[in-house]
Each structure stands twice: as structure tokens, then as C-alpha cells.
Amino acid sequence: MRMKQEEAIEAFAALAQPSRMEIYRMLVREEPRGVRVGEISRKLDIVPSTLSGHLAILKRAGLLKATRHQREIHYAANLDAMVGLVGFMLEDCCGGQVENCREIVSLLPES
């Protein structure tokens, strides 16, 4: 699915904060298992109330997936959303001259 400009702006805005960038990068490293909220809090030394706000912003931007396991919530990076974001940024790569940037374009999902 092709990402729209408004979605890209929201995703970049969500990542444009040090703690949220750190959370997202940690979740990417932990793919595909996801991480419990308490574990994120401990590993990154972010108090739960602050972490909750950061996770909500990242989830609203579509960058995270949340699943409930009994009483715990596990978060995982939504890699499809990141692929969409990168695709949005590169869709007009090389002025439409695909032969000039074939390697980059080959990484993009088909629309």
C-alpha cells in the first residue's frame, strides 16, 4: 500500500524525538518477538507513565503493533510501515530514471 504524505509526516514527527527513536530502534532489534512494556521501560530507563505516551504516539503513527498476552501488552515494530515510509521518500528517485537507481528501487515494495 502506498503511503500518503500526511502519514509520512506523522511517522517522521513520531520519530523526531530521542526516546521514541530509541524505542523504535530497540523494537526493530527485537523483531519478530516483540517486547513487553515493562521490559522496554527497564531496558531504556523510561518511567512507565512517560513510556505510555511515547508508545501511544508511535502506535498512532502506525509504526508499532501491540498485542495483549493476558495482562501484558507486547509491542513490536511495524516493519511494513517503515518500508512504506522509505518507499514514500524514494518513489521519485533519480527523477524517474529507474536505470540510474535500480539498486535502490529494487528494495521498494511494488505499489
C-alpha atoms as a PDB file:
ATOM      1  CA  MET A   1       0.000   0.000   0.000  1.00  0.00           C
ATOM      2  CA  ARG A   2       1.351   3.398  -0.974  1.00  0.00           C
ATOM      3  CA  MET A   3       1.904   5.798   1.927  1.00  0.00           C
ATOM      4  CA  LYS A   4       0.349   9.245   1.719  1.00  0.00           C
ATOM      5  CA  GLN A   5       2.223  12.432   2.566  1.00  0.00           C
ATOM      6  CA  GLU A   6       0.168  13.055   5.722  1.00  0.00           C
ATOM      7  CA  GLU A   7       1.011   9.568   7.008  1.00  0.00           C
ATOM      8  CA  ALA A   8       4.705  10.094   6.269  1.00  0.00           C
ATOM      9  CA  ILE A   9       4.704  13.406   8.120  1.00  0.00           C
ATOM     10  CA  GLU A  10       3.043  11.808  11.156  1.00  0.00           C
ATOM     11  CA  ALA A  11       5.571   8.942  11.138  1.00  0.00           C
ATOM     12  CA  PHE A  12       8.544  11.312  10.889  1.00  0.00           C
ATOM     13  CA  ALA A  13       7.085  13.513  13.627  1.00  0.00           C
ATOM     14  CA  ALA A  14       6.684  10.473  15.876  1.00  0.00           C
ATOM     15  CA  LEU A  15      10.320   9.507  15.342  1.00  0.00           C
ATOM     16  CA  ALA A  16      11.618  13.066  15.737  1.00  0.00           C
ATOM     17  CA  GLN A  17      12.162  12.671  19.482  1.00  0.00           C
ATOM     18  CA  PRO A  18      15.140  10.857  21.042  1.00  0.00           C
ATOM     19  CA  SER A  19      13.236   8.465  23.323  1.00  0.00           C
ATOM     20  CA  ARG A  20      10.770   7.458  20.609  1.00  0.00           C
ATOM     21  CA  MET A  21      13.592   6.884  18.132  1.00  0.00           C
ATOM     22  CA  GLU A  22      15.341   4.728  20.737  1.00  0.00           C
ATOM     23  CA  ILE A  23      12.136   2.762  21.432  1.00  0.00           C
ATOM     24  CA  TYR A  24      11.551   2.100  17.736  1.00  0.00           C
ATOM     25  CA  ARG A  25      15.157   1.039  17.105  1.00  0.00           C
ATOM     26  CA  MET A  26      15.063  -1.296  20.108  1.00  0.00           C
ATOM     27  CA  LEU A  27      11.864  -2.905  18.844  1.00  0.00           C
ATOM     28  CA  VAL A  28      13.419  -3.376  15.401  1.00  0.00           C
ATOM     29  CA  ARG A  29      16.343  -5.199  17.050  1.00  0.00           C
ATOM     30  CA  GLU A  30      13.896  -7.427  18.933  1.00  0.00           C
ATOM     31  CA  GLU A  31      11.888  -8.440  15.864  1.00  0.00           C
ATOM     32  CA  PRO A  32       9.848 -10.539  15.481  1.00  0.00           C
ATOM     33  CA  ARG A  33       9.115 -11.452  19.101  1.00  0.00           C
ATOM     34  CA  GLY A  34       8.016  -8.048  20.394  1.00  0.00           C
ATOM     35  CA  VAL A  35       8.780  -6.695  23.851  1.00  0.00           C
ATOM     36  CA  ARG A  36       6.685  -6.317  27.000  1.00  0.00           C
ATOM     37  CA  VAL A  37       6.066  -2.745  28.153  1.00  0.00           C
ATOM     38  CA  GLY A  38       7.852  -3.357  31.447  1.00  0.00           C
ATOM     39  CA  GLU A  39      10.898  -4.682  29.618  1.00  0.00           C
ATOM     40  CA  ILE A  40      11.002  -1.607  27.363  1.00  0.00           C
ATOM     41  CA  SER A  41      10.797   0.603  30.440  1.00  0.00           C
ATOM     42  CA  ARG A  42      13.652  -1.235  32.174  1.00  0.00           C
ATOM     43  CA  LYS A  43      15.941  -1.531  29.150  1.00  0.00           C
ATOM     44  CA  LEU A  44      15.607   2.118  28.168  1.00  0.00           C
ATOM     45  CA  ASP A  45      15.186   3.520  31.677  1.00  0.00           C
ATOM     46  CA  ILE A  46      11.952   5.332  30.842  1.00  0.00           C
ATOM     47  CA  VAL A  47       9.325   5.642  33.578  1.00  0.00           C
ATOM     48  CA  PRO A  48       6.095   3.802  32.680  1.00  0.00           C
ATOM     49  CA  SER A  49       3.899   6.919  32.559  1.00  0.00           C
ATOM     50  CA  THR A  50       6.261   8.636  30.109  1.00  0.00           C
ATOM     51  CA  LEU A  51       6.747   5.435  28.112  1.00  0.00           C
ATOM     52  CA  SER A  52       2.990   5.066  27.709  1.00  0.00           C
ATOM     53  CA  GLY A  53       2.770   8.436  25.976  1.00  0.00           C
ATOM     54  CA  HIS A  54       5.679   7.637  23.666  1.00  0.00           C
ATOM     55  CA  LEU A  55       4.198   4.260  22.722  1.00  0.00           C
ATOM     56  CA  ALA A  56       0.814   5.852  22.006  1.00  0.00           C
ATOM     57  CA  ILE A  57       2.395   8.382  19.636  1.00  0.00           C
ATOM     58  CA  LEU A  58       4.354   5.698  17.777  1.00  0.00           C
ATOM     59  CA  LYS A  59       1.303   3.433  17.558  1.00  0.00           C
ATOM     60  CA  ARG A  60      -0.946   6.260  16.324  1.00  0.00           C
ATOM     61  CA  ALA A  61       1.644   6.946  13.595  1.00  0.00           C
ATOM     62  CA  GLY A  62       1.349   3.299  12.552  1.00  0.00           C
ATOM     63  CA  LEU A  63       4.939   2.451  13.475  1.00  0.00           C
ATOM     64  CA  LEU A  64       4.098  -0.065  16.222  1.00  0.00           C
ATOM     65  CA  LYS A  65       1.877  -3.087  16.643  1.00  0.00           C
ATOM     66  CA  ALA A  66       0.513  -4.024  20.058  1.00  0.00           C
ATOM     67  CA  THR A  67      -0.731  -7.426  21.180  1.00  0.00           C
ATOM     68  CA  ARG A  68      -2.129  -8.380  24.539  1.00  0.00           C
ATOM     69  CA  HIS A  69      -0.821 -11.528  26.225  1.00  0.00           C
ATOM     70  CA  GLN A  70      -3.068 -11.997  29.248  1.00  0.00           C
ATOM     71  CA  ARG A  71      -2.323  -8.932  31.414  1.00  0.00           C
ATOM     72  CA  GLU A  72       0.735  -7.768  29.475  1.00  0.00           C
ATOM     73  CA  ILE A  73       0.973  -5.766  26.284  1.00  0.00           C
ATOM     74  CA  HIS A  74       3.768  -6.594  23.871  1.00  0.00           C
ATOM     75  CA  TYR A  75       4.896  -4.030  21.323  1.00  0.00           C
ATOM     76  CA  ALA A  76       6.657  -4.741  18.047  1.00  0.00           C
ATOM     77  CA  ALA A  77       7.904  -2.547  15.233  1.00  0.00           C
ATOM     78  CA  ASN A  78       5.557  -2.375  12.255  1.00  0.00           C
ATOM     79  CA  LEU A  79       8.202  -3.013   9.616  1.00  0.00           C
ATOM     80  CA  ASP A  80       5.652  -2.728   6.796  1.00  0.00           C
ATOM     81  CA  ALA A  81       5.021   0.877   7.855  1.00  0.00           C
ATOM     82  CA  MET A  82       8.756   1.634   7.764  1.00  0.00           C
ATOM     83  CA  VAL A  83       9.052   0.056   4.314  1.00  0.00           C
ATOM     84  CA  GLY A  84       6.143   2.279   3.245  1.00  0.00           C
ATOM     85  CA  LEU A  85       7.867   5.339   4.699  1.00  0.00           C
ATOM     86  CA  VAL A  86      11.125   4.603   2.914  1.00  0.00           C
ATOM     87  CA  GLY A  87       9.179   3.884  -0.266  1.00  0.00           C
ATOM     88  CA  PHE A  88       7.398   7.220   0.025  1.00  0.00           C
ATOM     89  CA  MET A  89      10.725   9.011   0.321  1.00  0.00           C
ATOM     90  CA  LEU A  90      12.294   7.173  -2.623  1.00  0.00           C
ATOM     91  CA  GLU A  91       9.367   6.812  -5.012  1.00  0.00           C
ATOM     92  CA  ASP A  92      10.608   9.579  -7.300  1.00  0.00           C
ATOM     93  CA  CYS A  93      14.249   8.548  -7.006  1.00  0.00           C
ATOM     94  CA  CYS A  94      16.544   9.656  -9.810  1.00  0.00           C
ATOM     95  CA  GLY A  95      13.878  11.826 -11.427  1.00  0.00           C
ATOM     96  CA  GLY A  96      12.021   8.772 -12.635  1.00  0.00           C
ATOM     97  CA  GLN A  97      15.105   7.433 -14.436  1.00  0.00           C
ATOM     98  CA  VAL A  98      14.944   3.978 -12.856  1.00  0.00           C
ATOM     99  CA  GLU A  99      18.053   2.789 -14.696  1.00  0.00           C
ATOM    100  CA  ASN A 100      20.078   5.316 -12.647  1.00  0.00           C
ATOM    101  CA  CYS A 101      18.985   3.923  -9.290  1.00  0.00           C
ATOM    102  CA  ARG A 102      17.915   0.351  -9.987  1.00  0.00           C
ATOM    103  CA  GLU A 103      19.534  -0.963  -6.776  1.00  0.00           C
ATOM    104  CA  ILE A 104      17.538   1.406  -4.555  1.00  0.00           C
ATOM    105  CA  VAL A 105      14.285   0.933  -6.446  1.00  0.00           C
ATOM    106  CA  SER A 106      14.623  -2.877  -6.207  1.00  0.00           C
ATOM    107  CA  LEU A 107      14.248  -2.549  -2.426  1.00  0.00           C
ATOM    108  CA  LEU A 108      10.851  -0.860  -2.682  1.00  0.00           C
ATOM    109  CA  PRO A 109       7.620  -2.841  -2.442  1.00  0.00           C
ATOM    110  CA  GLU A 110       5.503  -2.937  -5.563  1.00  0.00           C
ATOM    111  CA  SER A 111       2.601  -0.466  -5.492  1.00  0.00           C
END
